[in-house]
């Protein structure tokens, strides 16, 4: 019984500590203009690399090209598309 009481008090203290002394949300990082330009350049290069990778992957949606035309209706009920509809569309069912 004493162990349960100690555990309960410990939990209550931990919750009070967290509520009273919780860290404030992180603030945005302030970058210099040079650092901002460097980060934006890295992001743009990552986008270019990702697009090249998606275009080279034979299973990528980008490789489907303009020949892909979905057949309507895909879902059994208009406006609702569930897992069963996805499996049926993919040919798994």
C-alpha atoms as a PDB file:
ATOM      1  CA  UNK A   1       0.000   0.000   0.000  1.00  0.00           C
ATOM      2  CA  UNK A   2       2.826   2.357   0.883  1.00  0.00           C
ATOM      3  CA  UNK A   3       4.543   1.699  -2.477  1.00  0.00           C
ATOM      4  CA  UNK A   4       1.362   2.574  -4.347  1.00  0.00           C
ATOM      5  CA  UNK A   5       0.991   5.777  -2.353  1.00  0.00           C
ATOM      6  CA  UNK A   6       4.600   6.733  -3.065  1.00  0.00           C
ATOM      7  CA  UNK A   7       4.131   5.967  -6.758  1.00  0.00           C
ATOM      8  CA  UNK A   8       0.969   8.087  -6.845  1.00  0.00           C
ATOM      9  CA  UNK A   9       2.689  10.987  -5.098  1.00  0.00           C
ATOM     10  CA  UNK A  10       5.668  10.638  -7.438  1.00  0.00           C
ATOM     11  CA  UNK A  11       3.409  10.772 -10.492  1.00  0.00           C
ATOM     12  CA  UNK A  12       1.590  13.804  -9.121  1.00  0.00           C
ATOM     13  CA  UNK A  13       4.889  15.585  -8.472  1.00  0.00           C
ATOM     14  CA  UNK A  14       6.181  14.733 -11.950  1.00  0.00           C
ATOM     15  CA  UNK A  15       3.002  16.075 -13.543  1.00  0.00           C
ATOM     16  CA  UNK A  16       3.178  19.255 -11.451  1.00  0.00           C
ATOM     17  CA  UNK A  17       6.853  19.714 -12.351  1.00  0.00           C
ATOM     18  CA  UNK A  18       6.124  19.272 -16.040  1.00  0.00           C
ATOM     19  CA  UNK A  19       3.204  21.713 -15.912  1.00  0.00           C
ATOM     20  CA  UNK A  20       5.070  24.391 -13.990  1.00  0.00           C
ATOM     21  CA  UNK A  21       8.478  24.146 -15.610  1.00  0.00           C
ATOM     22  CA  UNK A  22       7.756  22.815 -19.074  1.00  0.00           C
ATOM     23  CA  UNK A  23       9.987  24.245 -21.750  1.00  0.00           C
ATOM     24  CA  UNK A  24       8.484  26.908 -23.946  1.00  0.00           C
ATOM     25  CA  UNK A  25       7.947  26.039 -27.602  1.00  0.00           C
ATOM     26  CA  UNK A  26      10.989  26.475 -29.782  1.00  0.00           C
ATOM     27  CA  UNK A  27      11.302  29.821 -31.486  1.00  0.00           C
ATOM     28  CA  UNK A  28      12.127  30.199 -35.192  1.00  0.00           C
ATOM     29  CA  UNK A  29      15.814  30.201 -36.008  1.00  0.00           C
ATOM     30  CA  UNK A  30      17.114  33.527 -37.252  1.00  0.00           C
ATOM     31  CA  UNK A  31      19.572  33.109 -40.124  1.00  0.00           C
ATOM     32  CA  UNK A  32      21.823  35.620 -41.772  1.00  0.00           C
ATOM     33  CA  UNK A  33      21.137  36.371 -45.426  1.00  0.00           C
ATOM     34  CA  UNK A  34      24.114  34.264 -46.485  1.00  0.00           C
ATOM     35  CA  UNK A  35      22.905  31.297 -44.420  1.00  0.00           C
ATOM     36  CA  UNK A  36      19.354  31.748 -45.739  1.00  0.00           C
ATOM     37  CA  UNK A  37      20.625  31.700 -49.322  1.00  0.00           C
ATOM     38  CA  UNK A  38      22.705  28.586 -48.588  1.00  0.00           C
ATOM     39  CA  UNK A  39      19.763  26.720 -47.048  1.00  0.00           C
ATOM     40  CA  UNK A  40      17.430  27.677 -49.914  1.00  0.00           C
ATOM     41  CA  UNK A  41      20.030  26.500 -52.441  1.00  0.00           C
ATOM     42  CA  UNK A  42      20.340  23.151 -50.626  1.00  0.00           C
ATOM     43  CA  UNK A  43      16.550  22.730 -50.557  1.00  0.00           C
ATOM     44  CA  UNK A  44      16.273  23.491 -54.267  1.00  0.00           C
ATOM     45  CA  UNK A  45      19.075  21.008 -55.069  1.00  0.00           C
ATOM     46  CA  UNK A  46      17.305  18.365 -52.990  1.00  0.00           C
ATOM     47  CA  UNK A  47      14.091  18.989 -54.969  1.00  0.00           C
ATOM     48  CA  UNK A  48      15.968  18.642 -58.262  1.00  0.00           C
ATOM     49  CA  UNK A  49      17.633  15.400 -57.088  1.00  0.00           C
ATOM     50  CA  UNK A  50      14.300  13.994 -55.900  1.00  0.00           C
ATOM     51  CA  UNK A  51      12.592  14.821 -59.192  1.00  0.00           C
ATOM     52  CA  UNK A  52      15.404  13.167 -61.168  1.00  0.00           C
ATOM     53  CA  UNK A  53      15.143  10.096 -58.954  1.00  0.00           C
ATOM     54  CA  UNK A  54      11.352   9.921 -59.356  1.00  0.00           C
ATOM     55  CA  UNK A  55      11.640  10.287 -63.129  1.00  0.00           C
ATOM     56  CA  UNK A  56      14.204   7.482 -63.302  1.00  0.00           C
ATOM     57  CA  UNK A  57      12.275   5.056 -61.057  1.00  0.00           C
ATOM     58  CA  UNK A  58      10.155   2.741 -63.227  1.00  0.00           C
ATOM     59  CA  UNK A  59       7.485   2.471 -60.514  1.00  0.00           C
ATOM     60  CA  UNK A  60       7.199   6.240 -59.980  1.00  0.00           C
ATOM     61  CA  UNK A  61       4.029   8.157 -60.746  1.00  0.00           C
ATOM     62  CA  UNK A  62       6.147  10.595 -62.765  1.00  0.00           C
ATOM     63  CA  UNK A  63       7.046   7.785 -65.192  1.00  0.00           C
ATOM     64  CA  UNK A  64       3.378   7.211 -66.031  1.00  0.00           C
ATOM     65  CA  UNK A  65       3.387  10.308 -68.190  1.00  0.00           C
ATOM     66  CA  UNK A  66       0.330  11.730 -69.854  1.00  0.00           C
ATOM     67  CA  UNK A  67      -0.927   8.316 -71.002  1.00  0.00           C
ATOM     68  CA  UNK A  68      -2.380   7.630 -67.551  1.00  0.00           C
ATOM     69  CA  UNK A  69      -6.121   8.296 -67.366  1.00  0.00           C
ATOM     70  CA  UNK A  70      -8.069   7.226 -64.282  1.00  0.00           C
ATOM     71  CA  UNK A  71     -11.289   5.392 -64.949  1.00  0.00           C
ATOM     72  CA  UNK A  72     -14.338   6.788 -63.198  1.00  0.00           C
ATOM     73  CA  UNK A  73     -15.931   5.890 -60.928  1.00  0.00           C
ATOM     74  CA  UNK A  74     -13.183   4.415 -58.816  1.00  0.00           C
ATOM     75  CA  UNK A  75     -15.110   4.483 -55.534  1.00  0.00           C
ATOM     76  CA  UNK A  76     -18.369   2.642 -55.023  1.00  0.00           C
ATOM     77  CA  UNK A  77     -19.883   5.779 -53.474  1.00  0.00           C
ATOM     78  CA  UNK A  78     -19.190   9.166 -55.008  1.00  0.00           C
ATOM     79  CA  UNK A  79     -17.051  11.317 -52.726  1.00  0.00           C
ATOM     80  CA  UNK A  80     -15.904   8.413 -50.538  1.00  0.00           C
ATOM     81  CA  UNK A  81     -12.736   6.487 -51.287  1.00  0.00           C
ATOM     82  CA  UNK A  82     -11.810   3.756 -48.813  1.00  0.00           C
ATOM     83  CA  UNK A  83      -9.181   1.045 -48.512  1.00  0.00           C
ATOM     84  CA  UNK A  84     -11.365  -1.457 -50.371  1.00  0.00           C
ATOM     85  CA  UNK A  85     -11.643   0.997 -53.276  1.00  0.00           C
ATOM     86  CA  UNK A  86      -7.872   1.424 -53.325  1.00  0.00           C
ATOM     87  CA  UNK A  87      -7.280  -2.337 -53.357  1.00  0.00           C
ATOM     88  CA  UNK A  88      -9.839  -2.782 -56.137  1.00  0.00           C
ATOM     89  CA  UNK A  89      -8.263   0.064 -58.151  1.00  0.00           C
ATOM     90  CA  UNK A  90      -4.793  -1.448 -57.699  1.00  0.00           C
ATOM     91  CA  UNK A  91      -6.034  -4.818 -58.941  1.00  0.00           C
ATOM     92  CA  UNK A  92      -5.294  -6.557 -55.648  1.00  0.00           C
ATOM     93  CA  UNK A  93      -8.896  -7.697 -55.196  1.00  0.00           C
END
